[in-house]
Amino acid sequence: MQDYHDYLDEVLITEEQLHQRIAELGAEISQDYQGRQILMICILRGGVMFLTDLIRQLTVPVAIEFMAVSSYGSGARASSGEVRITLDLNTSITDRDVIIVEDIIDSGHTLTSVIEMLQTRNPASLYVCTLLDKVQRREVEVPIRYCGFKIKDKFVFGYGLDMDEYYRNLPFIGTVDLERYDPNL
């Protein structure tokens, strides 16, 4: 595995920018849900860092749940289109205010499948909060209520987003120089 410096093209979103925008999202969600309780469903694994920083910004009661959903294979740069639920919820969402927390929305197919499945479980409300939105790649409409950053169609990693399962721990979001990246190293 190469060191990330070997293929980092640019730091797209700095640690400071992430913290500032997440604080703003927390304030907005807290205002919208004042007097209510939220169940946040984090889509694993990429959304974990975003979720933990986001819930610390909330001033309303919040519970968390996790789902693991797969539409990418190892080393894949684009969704395969086949969506698999590999970890489902342990909690009922019936009559609860639910926010799906996602790291990045690309084509929209994966999240659309998750939303459709969760809506059959009769939540009181169901909204989406994403850290990153790749609008240019959208193939299906996704109802995003809270968005951290709209980004161009670049391969990104860091702050929960992986490069072949590594570098989720970086405090920033960087773009990959695909001419220098070799997944076989």
N, C-alpha and C. Protein backbone atom coordinates (compact mmCIF):
# COMPACT_ATOMS: atom_id res chain seq x y z
N MET A 1 0.85 -1.18 0.00
CA MET A 1 0.00 0.00 0.00
C MET A 1 0.89 1.24 0.00
N GLN A 2 0.60 2.13 -0.91
CA GLN A 2 1.34 3.38 -0.99
C GLN A 2 0.97 4.29 0.18
N ASP A 3 1.87 5.19 0.52
CA ASP A 3 1.57 6.24 1.47
C ASP A 3 0.63 7.23 0.78
N TYR A 4 -0.34 7.78 1.51
CA TYR A 4 -1.31 8.66 0.87
C TYR A 4 -0.66 9.87 0.22
N HIS A 5 0.47 10.31 0.72
CA HIS A 5 1.16 11.45 0.11
C HIS A 5 1.55 11.16 -1.34
N ASP A 6 1.74 9.88 -1.65
CA ASP A 6 2.15 9.49 -3.00
C ASP A 6 1.07 9.74 -4.04
N TYR A 7 -0.18 9.79 -3.61
CA TYR A 7 -1.24 10.01 -4.60
C TYR A 7 -2.25 11.09 -4.21
N LEU A 8 -1.94 11.85 -3.17
CA LEU A 8 -2.79 12.99 -2.81
C LEU A 8 -2.65 14.08 -3.86
N ASP A 9 -3.75 14.42 -4.50
CA ASP A 9 -3.74 15.49 -5.49
C ASP A 9 -3.89 16.84 -4.80
N GLU A 10 -4.89 16.95 -3.92
CA GLU A 10 -5.10 18.19 -3.18
C GLU A 10 -5.93 17.91 -1.93
N VAL A 11 -5.80 18.76 -0.94
CA VAL A 11 -6.70 18.73 0.21
C VAL A 11 -7.92 19.53 -0.22
N LEU A 12 -9.01 18.82 -0.39
CA LEU A 12 -10.24 19.44 -0.89
C LEU A 12 -10.97 20.19 0.21
N ILE A 13 -11.06 19.56 1.40
CA ILE A 13 -11.74 20.17 2.54
C ILE A 13 -10.86 19.98 3.76
N THR A 14 -10.47 21.08 4.37
CA THR A 14 -9.56 21.03 5.51
C THR A 14 -10.28 20.59 6.78
N GLU A 15 -9.49 20.23 7.78
CA GLU A 15 -10.03 19.86 9.07
C GLU A 15 -10.87 21.00 9.65
N GLU A 16 -10.38 22.22 9.53
CA GLU A 16 -11.10 23.38 10.05
C GLU A 16 -12.43 23.58 9.33
N GLN A 17 -12.42 23.43 8.01
CA GLN A 17 -13.66 23.58 7.25
C GLN A 17 -14.68 22.50 7.65
N LEU A 18 -14.21 21.29 7.85
CA LEU A 18 -15.09 20.21 8.29
C LEU A 18 -15.74 20.55 9.63
N HIS A 19 -14.93 20.95 10.60
CA HIS A 19 -15.46 21.25 11.94
C HIS A 19 -16.46 22.40 11.89
N GLN A 20 -16.16 23.43 11.11
CA GLN A 20 -17.06 24.59 11.03
C GLN A 20 -18.40 24.20 10.41
N ARG A 21 -18.35 23.46 9.30
CA ARG A 21 -19.60 23.10 8.62
C ARG A 21 -20.42 22.11 9.44
N ILE A 22 -19.77 21.19 10.12
CA ILE A 22 -20.49 20.23 10.96
C ILE A 22 -21.16 20.94 12.13
N ALA A 23 -20.51 21.93 12.70
CA ALA A 23 -21.13 22.74 13.76
C ALA A 23 -22.38 23.45 13.23
N GLU A 24 -22.30 23.97 12.01
CA GLU A 24 -23.46 24.63 11.39
C GLU A 24 -24.60 23.63 11.16
N LEU A 25 -24.27 22.43 10.67
CA LEU A 25 -25.29 21.41 10.47
C LEU A 25 -25.94 21.01 11.79
N GLY A 26 -25.12 20.87 12.84
CA GLY A 26 -25.65 20.52 14.15
C GLY A 26 -26.62 21.57 14.66
N ALA A 27 -26.29 22.82 14.47
CA ALA A 27 -27.18 23.90 14.91
C ALA A 27 -28.48 23.89 14.11
N GLU A 28 -28.38 23.65 12.82
CA GLU A 28 -29.58 23.61 11.96
C GLU A 28 -30.49 22.44 12.34
N ILE A 29 -29.91 21.28 12.52
CA ILE A 29 -30.71 20.11 12.91
C ILE A 29 -31.33 20.32 14.29
N SER A 30 -30.56 20.85 15.23
CA SER A 30 -31.09 21.11 16.58
C SER A 30 -32.27 22.07 16.53
N GLN A 31 -32.18 23.09 15.71
CA GLN A 31 -33.28 24.05 15.56
C GLN A 31 -34.51 23.36 14.96
N ASP A 32 -34.30 22.57 13.92
CA ASP A 32 -35.42 21.90 13.24
C ASP A 32 -36.11 20.86 14.13
N TYR A 33 -35.36 20.26 15.04
CA TYR A 33 -35.91 19.19 15.88
C TYR A 33 -36.09 19.61 17.33
N GLN A 34 -36.15 20.88 17.58
CA GLN A 34 -36.33 21.38 18.94
C GLN A 34 -37.60 20.77 19.55
N GLY A 35 -37.47 20.21 20.76
CA GLY A 35 -38.61 19.59 21.44
C GLY A 35 -38.91 18.17 20.98
N ARG A 36 -38.05 17.62 20.11
CA ARG A 36 -38.26 16.26 19.61
C ARG A 36 -37.00 15.43 19.83
N GLN A 37 -37.13 14.14 19.63
CA GLN A 37 -36.00 13.22 19.72
C GLN A 37 -35.68 12.70 18.32
N ILE A 38 -34.41 12.47 18.06
CA ILE A 38 -33.97 12.01 16.74
C ILE A 38 -33.33 10.63 16.88
N LEU A 39 -33.58 9.79 15.90
CA LEU A 39 -32.82 8.56 15.73
C LEU A 39 -31.96 8.76 14.48
N MET A 40 -30.66 8.78 14.66
CA MET A 40 -29.75 8.92 13.53
C MET A 40 -29.24 7.55 13.14
N ILE A 41 -29.39 7.22 11.87
CA ILE A 41 -28.91 5.95 11.35
C ILE A 41 -27.68 6.23 10.51
N CYS A 42 -26.56 5.75 10.99
CA CYS A 42 -25.29 5.95 10.31
C CYS A 42 -25.06 4.80 9.33
N ILE A 43 -24.74 5.17 8.11
CA ILE A 43 -24.38 4.16 7.11
C ILE A 43 -22.88 3.89 7.26
N LEU A 44 -22.58 2.65 7.64
CA LEU A 44 -21.19 2.25 7.88
C LEU A 44 -20.46 2.02 6.57
N ARG A 45 -19.20 2.16 6.56
CA ARG A 45 -18.30 2.56 7.61
C ARG A 45 -17.94 4.02 7.46
N GLY A 46 -18.08 4.53 6.28
CA GLY A 46 -17.61 5.89 6.00
C GLY A 46 -18.26 6.98 6.82
N GLY A 47 -19.49 6.79 7.26
CA GLY A 47 -20.20 7.84 7.96
C GLY A 47 -19.88 7.97 9.44
N VAL A 48 -19.06 7.07 9.98
CA VAL A 48 -18.83 7.03 11.43
C VAL A 48 -18.20 8.32 11.96
N MET A 49 -17.14 8.78 11.33
CA MET A 49 -16.48 10.00 11.83
C MET A 49 -17.42 11.19 11.76
N PHE A 50 -18.15 11.31 10.66
CA PHE A 50 -19.11 12.39 10.50
C PHE A 50 -20.19 12.30 11.58
N LEU A 51 -20.75 11.12 11.80
CA LEU A 51 -21.78 10.94 12.83
C LEU A 51 -21.27 11.37 14.19
N THR A 52 -20.10 10.90 14.59
CA THR A 52 -19.62 11.20 15.95
C THR A 52 -19.39 12.69 16.14
N ASP A 53 -18.86 13.35 15.14
CA ASP A 53 -18.67 14.80 15.26
C ASP A 53 -20.00 15.53 15.22
N LEU A 54 -20.93 15.06 14.39
CA LEU A 54 -22.23 15.71 14.26
C LEU A 54 -23.06 15.62 15.53
N ILE A 55 -23.14 14.43 16.15
CA ILE A 55 -24.00 14.31 17.33
C ILE A 55 -23.49 15.12 18.51
N ARG A 56 -22.19 15.39 18.54
CA ARG A 56 -21.66 16.24 19.61
C ARG A 56 -22.10 17.69 19.45
N GLN A 57 -22.59 18.05 18.29
CA GLN A 57 -23.06 19.41 18.03
C GLN A 57 -24.56 19.59 18.29
N LEU A 58 -25.26 18.48 18.53
CA LEU A 58 -26.71 18.55 18.70
C LEU A 58 -27.08 18.93 20.13
N THR A 59 -28.17 19.68 20.25
CA THR A 59 -28.69 20.09 21.55
C THR A 59 -30.02 19.42 21.86
N VAL A 60 -30.43 18.49 21.01
CA VAL A 60 -31.67 17.73 21.22
C VAL A 60 -31.30 16.28 21.50
N PRO A 61 -32.21 15.52 22.14
CA PRO A 61 -31.92 14.11 22.42
C PRO A 61 -31.74 13.33 21.12
N VAL A 62 -30.69 12.52 21.09
CA VAL A 62 -30.40 11.74 19.88
C VAL A 62 -29.99 10.32 20.26
N ALA A 63 -30.55 9.37 19.54
CA ALA A 63 -30.13 7.97 19.63
C ALA A 63 -29.48 7.62 18.30
N ILE A 64 -28.62 6.61 18.32
CA ILE A 64 -27.94 6.23 17.08
C ILE A 64 -28.13 4.75 16.79
N GLU A 65 -28.12 4.45 15.52
CA GLU A 65 -28.21 3.09 15.01
C GLU A 65 -27.25 3.01 13.82
N PHE A 66 -26.99 1.79 13.38
CA PHE A 66 -26.05 1.60 12.28
C PHE A 66 -26.61 0.63 11.26
N MET A 67 -26.29 0.91 10.00
CA MET A 67 -26.57 -0.01 8.90
C MET A 67 -25.29 -0.12 8.08
N ALA A 68 -25.06 -1.30 7.55
CA ALA A 68 -23.97 -1.46 6.59
C ALA A 68 -24.60 -1.82 5.26
N VAL A 69 -24.24 -1.04 4.26
CA VAL A 69 -24.80 -1.18 2.93
C VAL A 69 -23.64 -1.21 1.95
N SER A 70 -23.71 -2.10 0.98
CA SER A 70 -22.61 -2.21 0.04
C SER A 70 -23.09 -2.12 -1.39
N SER A 71 -22.41 -1.28 -2.16
CA SER A 71 -22.62 -1.25 -3.61
C SER A 71 -21.30 -1.06 -4.33
N TYR A 72 -20.20 -1.08 -3.59
CA TYR A 72 -18.87 -0.93 -4.14
C TYR A 72 -18.06 -2.17 -3.82
N GLY A 73 -17.26 -2.62 -4.75
CA GLY A 73 -16.34 -3.70 -4.47
C GLY A 73 -15.01 -3.13 -4.04
N SER A 74 -14.09 -3.97 -3.62
CA SER A 74 -12.76 -3.51 -3.22
C SER A 74 -12.06 -2.84 -4.39
N GLY A 75 -11.58 -1.64 -4.16
CA GLY A 75 -10.86 -0.90 -5.20
C GLY A 75 -11.78 -0.23 -6.20
N ALA A 76 -13.08 -0.35 -6.04
CA ALA A 76 -14.00 0.22 -7.01
C ALA A 76 -14.07 1.73 -6.86
N ARG A 77 -14.16 2.40 -7.98
CA ARG A 77 -14.29 3.86 -7.98
C ARG A 77 -15.71 4.30 -8.26
N ALA A 78 -16.55 3.36 -8.65
CA ALA A 78 -17.95 3.66 -8.94
C ALA A 78 -18.82 2.54 -8.40
N SER A 79 -20.06 2.88 -8.12
CA SER A 79 -21.01 1.90 -7.60
C SER A 79 -21.25 0.81 -8.62
N SER A 80 -21.41 -0.41 -8.12
CA SER A 80 -21.71 -1.54 -8.99
C SER A 80 -23.18 -1.54 -9.40
N GLY A 81 -24.02 -0.79 -8.66
CA GLY A 81 -25.44 -0.75 -8.93
C GLY A 81 -26.20 -1.80 -8.12
N GLU A 82 -25.54 -2.81 -7.63
CA GLU A 82 -26.16 -3.84 -6.80
C GLU A 82 -26.02 -3.43 -5.34
N VAL A 83 -27.14 -3.25 -4.67
CA VAL A 83 -27.14 -2.80 -3.28
C VAL A 83 -27.44 -3.98 -2.36
N ARG A 84 -26.58 -4.16 -1.36
CA ARG A 84 -26.77 -5.24 -0.39
C ARG A 84 -26.76 -4.64 1.01
N ILE A 85 -27.74 -5.03 1.84
CA ILE A 85 -27.76 -4.65 3.25
C ILE A 85 -26.96 -5.73 3.97
N THR A 86 -25.81 -5.36 4.51
CA THR A 86 -24.97 -6.35 5.19
C THR A 86 -25.11 -6.29 6.71
N LEU A 87 -25.70 -5.21 7.22
CA LEU A 87 -26.02 -5.08 8.65
C LEU A 87 -27.28 -4.24 8.75
N ASP A 88 -28.32 -4.81 9.34
CA ASP A 88 -29.59 -4.10 9.47
C ASP A 88 -29.73 -3.54 10.88
N LEU A 89 -30.76 -2.74 11.06
CA LEU A 89 -31.01 -2.08 12.34
C LEU A 89 -31.41 -3.09 13.41
N ASN A 90 -31.11 -2.75 14.66
CA ASN A 90 -31.56 -3.54 15.81
C ASN A 90 -32.75 -2.89 16.51
N THR A 91 -33.14 -1.71 16.05
CA THR A 91 -34.16 -0.90 16.69
C THR A 91 -35.30 -0.63 15.72
N SER A 92 -36.51 -0.61 16.23
CA SER A 92 -37.67 -0.24 15.41
C SER A 92 -37.62 1.27 15.14
N ILE A 93 -37.98 1.65 13.93
CA ILE A 93 -38.05 3.08 13.61
C ILE A 93 -39.49 3.56 13.47
N THR A 94 -40.45 2.71 13.74
CA THR A 94 -41.86 3.06 13.62
C THR A 94 -42.17 4.28 14.49
N ASP A 95 -42.79 5.28 13.88
CA ASP A 95 -43.21 6.52 14.54
C ASP A 95 -42.06 7.34 15.13
N ARG A 96 -40.87 7.16 14.62
CA ARG A 96 -39.72 7.92 15.11
C ARG A 96 -39.23 8.89 14.04
N ASP A 97 -38.64 10.00 14.48
CA ASP A 97 -38.01 10.95 13.57
C ASP A 97 -36.61 10.44 13.26
N VAL A 98 -36.37 10.10 12.01
CA VAL A 98 -35.14 9.44 11.60
C VAL A 98 -34.36 10.32 10.63
N ILE A 99 -33.05 10.38 10.86
CA ILE A 99 -32.14 11.03 9.91
C ILE A 99 -31.08 10.00 9.53
N ILE A 100 -30.97 9.75 8.23
CA ILE A 100 -29.92 8.87 7.72
C ILE A 100 -28.66 9.73 7.57
N VAL A 101 -27.56 9.26 8.17
CA VAL A 101 -26.29 9.99 8.10
C VAL A 101 -25.37 9.23 7.15
N GLU A 102 -24.97 9.90 6.08
CA GLU A 102 -24.17 9.29 5.02
C GLU A 102 -22.91 10.11 4.80
N ASP A 103 -21.83 9.43 4.43
CA ASP A 103 -20.59 10.15 4.16
C ASP A 103 -20.62 10.85 2.81
N ILE A 104 -21.09 10.14 1.77
CA ILE A 104 -21.08 10.71 0.42
C ILE A 104 -22.22 10.13 -0.39
N ILE A 105 -22.84 10.97 -1.19
CA ILE A 105 -23.87 10.51 -2.12
C ILE A 105 -23.34 10.73 -3.52
N ASP A 106 -23.33 9.66 -4.27
CA ASP A 106 -22.76 9.64 -5.61
C ASP A 106 -23.90 9.50 -6.61
N SER A 107 -24.10 8.32 -7.15
CA SER A 107 -25.17 8.09 -8.14
C SER A 107 -26.55 8.23 -7.50
N GLY A 108 -26.65 7.91 -6.21
CA GLY A 108 -27.92 7.97 -5.49
C GLY A 108 -28.63 6.64 -5.40
N HIS A 109 -28.16 5.63 -6.14
CA HIS A 109 -28.85 4.33 -6.14
C HIS A 109 -28.84 3.66 -4.76
N THR A 110 -27.69 3.65 -4.11
CA THR A 110 -27.58 2.99 -2.81
C THR A 110 -28.53 3.63 -1.80
N LEU A 111 -28.45 4.93 -1.67
CA LEU A 111 -29.28 5.61 -0.68
C LEU A 111 -30.76 5.53 -1.02
N THR A 112 -31.10 5.57 -2.29
CA THR A 112 -32.51 5.43 -2.68
C THR A 112 -33.05 4.08 -2.23
N SER A 113 -32.26 3.03 -2.39
CA SER A 113 -32.68 1.70 -1.94
C SER A 113 -32.88 1.66 -0.42
N VAL A 114 -31.97 2.29 0.31
CA VAL A 114 -32.07 2.35 1.77
C VAL A 114 -33.32 3.12 2.19
N ILE A 115 -33.56 4.26 1.58
CA ILE A 115 -34.73 5.08 1.91
C ILE A 115 -36.01 4.30 1.65
N GLU A 116 -36.11 3.66 0.49
CA GLU A 116 -37.31 2.88 0.16
C GLU A 116 -37.56 1.78 1.19
N MET A 117 -36.51 1.09 1.60
CA MET A 117 -36.66 0.03 2.58
C MET A 117 -37.09 0.59 3.94
N LEU A 118 -36.45 1.68 4.38
CA LEU A 118 -36.77 2.25 5.68
C LEU A 118 -38.18 2.84 5.72
N GLN A 119 -38.65 3.38 4.62
CA GLN A 119 -40.00 3.95 4.59
C GLN A 119 -41.07 2.89 4.81
N THR A 120 -40.78 1.64 4.48
CA THR A 120 -41.75 0.57 4.72
C THR A 120 -41.88 0.27 6.21
N ARG A 121 -40.97 0.80 7.02
CA ARG A 121 -40.99 0.56 8.47
C ARG A 121 -41.71 1.68 9.23
N ASN A 122 -42.34 2.58 8.50
CA ASN A 122 -43.24 3.61 9.03
C ASN A 122 -42.63 4.59 10.03
N PRO A 123 -41.52 5.24 9.67
CA PRO A 123 -41.01 6.29 10.56
C PRO A 123 -41.95 7.50 10.53
N ALA A 124 -41.93 8.30 11.58
CA ALA A 124 -42.71 9.54 11.61
C ALA A 124 -42.17 10.50 10.55
N SER A 125 -40.85 10.55 10.44
CA SER A 125 -40.20 11.34 9.39
C SER A 125 -38.89 10.66 9.04
N LEU A 126 -38.43 10.90 7.83
CA LEU A 126 -37.20 10.28 7.36
C LEU A 126 -36.48 11.26 6.44
N TYR A 127 -35.32 11.73 6.89
CA TYR A 127 -34.54 12.68 6.11
C TYR A 127 -33.10 12.20 5.98
N VAL A 128 -32.38 12.86 5.09
CA VAL A 128 -30.99 12.50 4.80
C VAL A 128 -30.07 13.65 5.16
N CYS A 129 -28.97 13.30 5.83
CA CYS A 129 -27.89 14.25 6.10
C CYS A 129 -26.62 13.63 5.54
N THR A 130 -26.02 14.30 4.56
CA THR A 130 -24.79 13.80 3.95
C THR A 130 -23.66 14.80 4.13
N LEU A 131 -22.49 14.28 4.34
CA LEU A 131 -21.33 15.15 4.42
C LEU A 131 -20.98 15.69 3.04
N LEU A 132 -20.94 14.79 2.04
CA LEU A 132 -20.54 15.17 0.69
C LEU A 132 -21.62 14.80 -0.31
N ASP A 133 -21.84 15.67 -1.28
CA ASP A 133 -22.82 15.43 -2.34
C ASP A 133 -22.12 15.63 -3.68
N LYS A 134 -22.00 14.53 -4.44
CA LYS A 134 -21.42 14.59 -5.80
C LYS A 134 -22.58 14.73 -6.79
N VAL A 135 -23.07 15.94 -6.93
CA VAL A 135 -24.25 16.21 -7.74
C VAL A 135 -24.06 15.77 -9.20
N GLN A 136 -22.87 15.97 -9.75
CA GLN A 136 -22.61 15.64 -11.16
C GLN A 136 -22.79 14.15 -11.45
N ARG A 137 -22.65 13.30 -10.46
CA ARG A 137 -22.73 11.85 -10.66
C ARG A 137 -24.14 11.30 -10.44
N ARG A 138 -25.07 12.15 -10.04
CA ARG A 138 -26.41 11.69 -9.67
C ARG A 138 -27.14 11.07 -10.86
N GLU A 139 -27.65 9.87 -10.62
CA GLU A 139 -28.45 9.17 -11.62
C GLU A 139 -29.91 9.07 -11.20
N VAL A 140 -30.16 9.10 -9.90
CA VAL A 140 -31.52 9.11 -9.38
C VAL A 140 -31.62 10.23 -8.34
N GLU A 141 -32.78 10.81 -8.24
CA GLU A 141 -33.00 11.92 -7.30
C GLU A 141 -32.98 11.40 -5.87
N VAL A 142 -32.26 12.11 -5.01
CA VAL A 142 -32.19 11.78 -3.59
C VAL A 142 -32.63 13.01 -2.80
N PRO A 143 -33.60 12.85 -1.89
CA PRO A 143 -34.08 14.00 -1.12
C PRO A 143 -33.13 14.32 0.05
N ILE A 144 -32.14 15.15 -0.22
CA ILE A 144 -31.16 15.52 0.80
C ILE A 144 -31.68 16.74 1.56
N ARG A 145 -31.83 16.58 2.86
CA ARG A 145 -32.31 17.70 3.70
C ARG A 145 -31.13 18.51 4.24
N TYR A 146 -30.05 17.82 4.62
CA TYR A 146 -28.88 18.49 5.20
C TYR A 146 -27.64 18.04 4.42
N CYS A 147 -26.88 19.02 3.95
CA CYS A 147 -25.70 18.71 3.13
C CYS A 147 -24.51 19.52 3.64
N GLY A 148 -23.41 18.82 3.86
CA GLY A 148 -22.19 19.49 4.29
C GLY A 148 -21.53 20.26 3.16
N PHE A 149 -21.16 19.53 2.11
CA PHE A 149 -20.43 20.13 0.99
C PHE A 149 -20.87 19.50 -0.33
N LYS A 150 -21.06 20.31 -1.35
CA LYS A 150 -21.24 19.81 -2.71
C LYS A 150 -19.85 19.79 -3.34
N ILE A 151 -19.51 18.65 -3.91
CA ILE A 151 -18.17 18.52 -4.48
C ILE A 151 -18.26 18.08 -5.94
N LYS A 152 -17.18 18.33 -6.66
CA LYS A 152 -17.08 17.91 -8.05
C LYS A 152 -16.81 16.42 -8.11
N ASP A 153 -16.89 15.86 -9.29
CA ASP A 153 -16.72 14.44 -9.50
C ASP A 153 -15.23 14.07 -9.42
N LYS A 154 -14.75 13.95 -8.19
CA LYS A 154 -13.37 13.55 -7.95
C LYS A 154 -13.38 12.39 -6.98
N PHE A 155 -12.36 11.55 -7.06
CA PHE A 155 -12.22 10.43 -6.14
C PHE A 155 -11.62 10.97 -4.85
N VAL A 156 -12.38 10.87 -3.75
CA VAL A 156 -11.99 11.48 -2.48
C VAL A 156 -11.72 10.42 -1.41
N PHE A 157 -10.92 10.81 -0.43
CA PHE A 157 -10.62 9.93 0.70
C PHE A 157 -10.27 10.78 1.91
N GLY A 158 -10.30 10.13 3.08
CA GLY A 158 -10.02 10.82 4.33
C GLY A 158 -11.30 11.12 5.08
N TYR A 159 -11.19 11.41 6.36
CA TYR A 159 -12.31 11.74 7.24
C TYR A 159 -13.46 10.73 7.07
N GLY A 160 -13.12 9.46 7.19
CA GLY A 160 -14.12 8.40 7.11
C GLY A 160 -14.18 7.72 5.76
N LEU A 161 -13.82 8.43 4.71
CA LEU A 161 -13.83 7.86 3.37
C LEU A 161 -12.53 7.12 3.14
N ASP A 162 -12.64 5.93 2.57
CA ASP A 162 -11.45 5.10 2.46
C ASP A 162 -10.84 5.07 1.07
N MET A 163 -9.58 4.64 1.06
CA MET A 163 -8.88 4.29 -0.17
C MET A 163 -8.49 2.84 0.04
N ASP A 164 -9.24 1.91 -0.55
CA ASP A 164 -9.04 0.47 -0.35
C ASP A 164 -9.00 0.12 1.14
N GLU A 165 -9.94 0.69 1.90
CA GLU A 165 -10.12 0.47 3.33
C GLU A 165 -9.12 1.20 4.23
N TYR A 166 -8.22 1.96 3.69
CA TYR A 166 -7.24 2.71 4.49
C TYR A 166 -7.52 4.21 4.41
N TYR A 167 -6.88 4.94 5.30
CA TYR A 167 -6.86 6.40 5.35
C TYR A 167 -8.18 7.05 5.77
N ARG A 168 -9.08 6.27 6.37
CA ARG A 168 -10.30 6.85 6.94
C ARG A 168 -9.98 7.80 8.09
N ASN A 169 -8.82 7.61 8.71
CA ASN A 169 -8.43 8.35 9.91
C ASN A 169 -7.88 9.74 9.64
N LEU A 170 -7.69 10.10 8.39
CA LEU A 170 -7.15 11.43 8.10
C LEU A 170 -8.14 12.52 8.52
N PRO A 171 -7.66 13.64 9.04
CA PRO A 171 -8.57 14.68 9.54
C PRO A 171 -9.12 15.60 8.46
N PHE A 172 -8.76 15.37 7.21
CA PHE A 172 -9.21 16.19 6.09
C PHE A 172 -9.75 15.28 4.99
N ILE A 173 -10.33 15.90 3.96
CA ILE A 173 -10.76 15.14 2.78
C ILE A 173 -9.87 15.57 1.62
N GLY A 174 -9.22 14.59 1.03
CA GLY A 174 -8.34 14.85 -0.10
C GLY A 174 -8.85 14.20 -1.37
N THR A 175 -8.28 14.63 -2.49
CA THR A 175 -8.60 14.01 -3.77
C THR A 175 -7.41 13.17 -4.21
N VAL A 176 -7.71 12.14 -4.99
CA VAL A 176 -6.70 11.20 -5.45
C VAL A 176 -6.22 11.59 -6.84
N ASP A 177 -4.90 11.60 -7.01
CA ASP A 177 -4.31 11.76 -8.34
C ASP A 177 -4.28 10.36 -8.94
N LEU A 178 -5.24 10.06 -9.80
CA LEU A 178 -5.39 8.71 -10.34
C LEU A 178 -4.23 8.29 -11.24
N GLU A 179 -3.48 9.24 -11.75
CA GLU A 179 -2.30 8.89 -12.56
C GLU A 179 -1.17 8.35 -11.71
N ARG A 180 -1.14 8.72 -10.43
CA ARG A 180 -0.09 8.24 -9.54
C ARG A 180 -0.51 7.09 -8.64
N TYR A 181 -1.81 6.83 -8.58
CA TYR A 181 -2.32 5.80 -7.67
C TYR A 181 -2.23 4.42 -8.34
N ASP A 182 -1.64 3.48 -7.63
CA ASP A 182 -1.57 2.09 -8.09
C ASP A 182 -2.11 1.19 -6.98
N PRO A 183 -3.34 0.67 -7.15
CA PRO A 183 -3.94 -0.16 -6.09
C PRO A 183 -3.19 -1.45 -5.82
N ASN A 184 -2.26 -1.81 -6.67
CA ASN A 184 -1.50 -3.06 -6.48
C ASN A 184 -0.27 -2.90 -5.60
N LEU A 185 0.04 -1.67 -5.21
CA LEU A 185 1.21 -1.44 -4.35
C LEU A 185 0.84 -1.50 -2.89
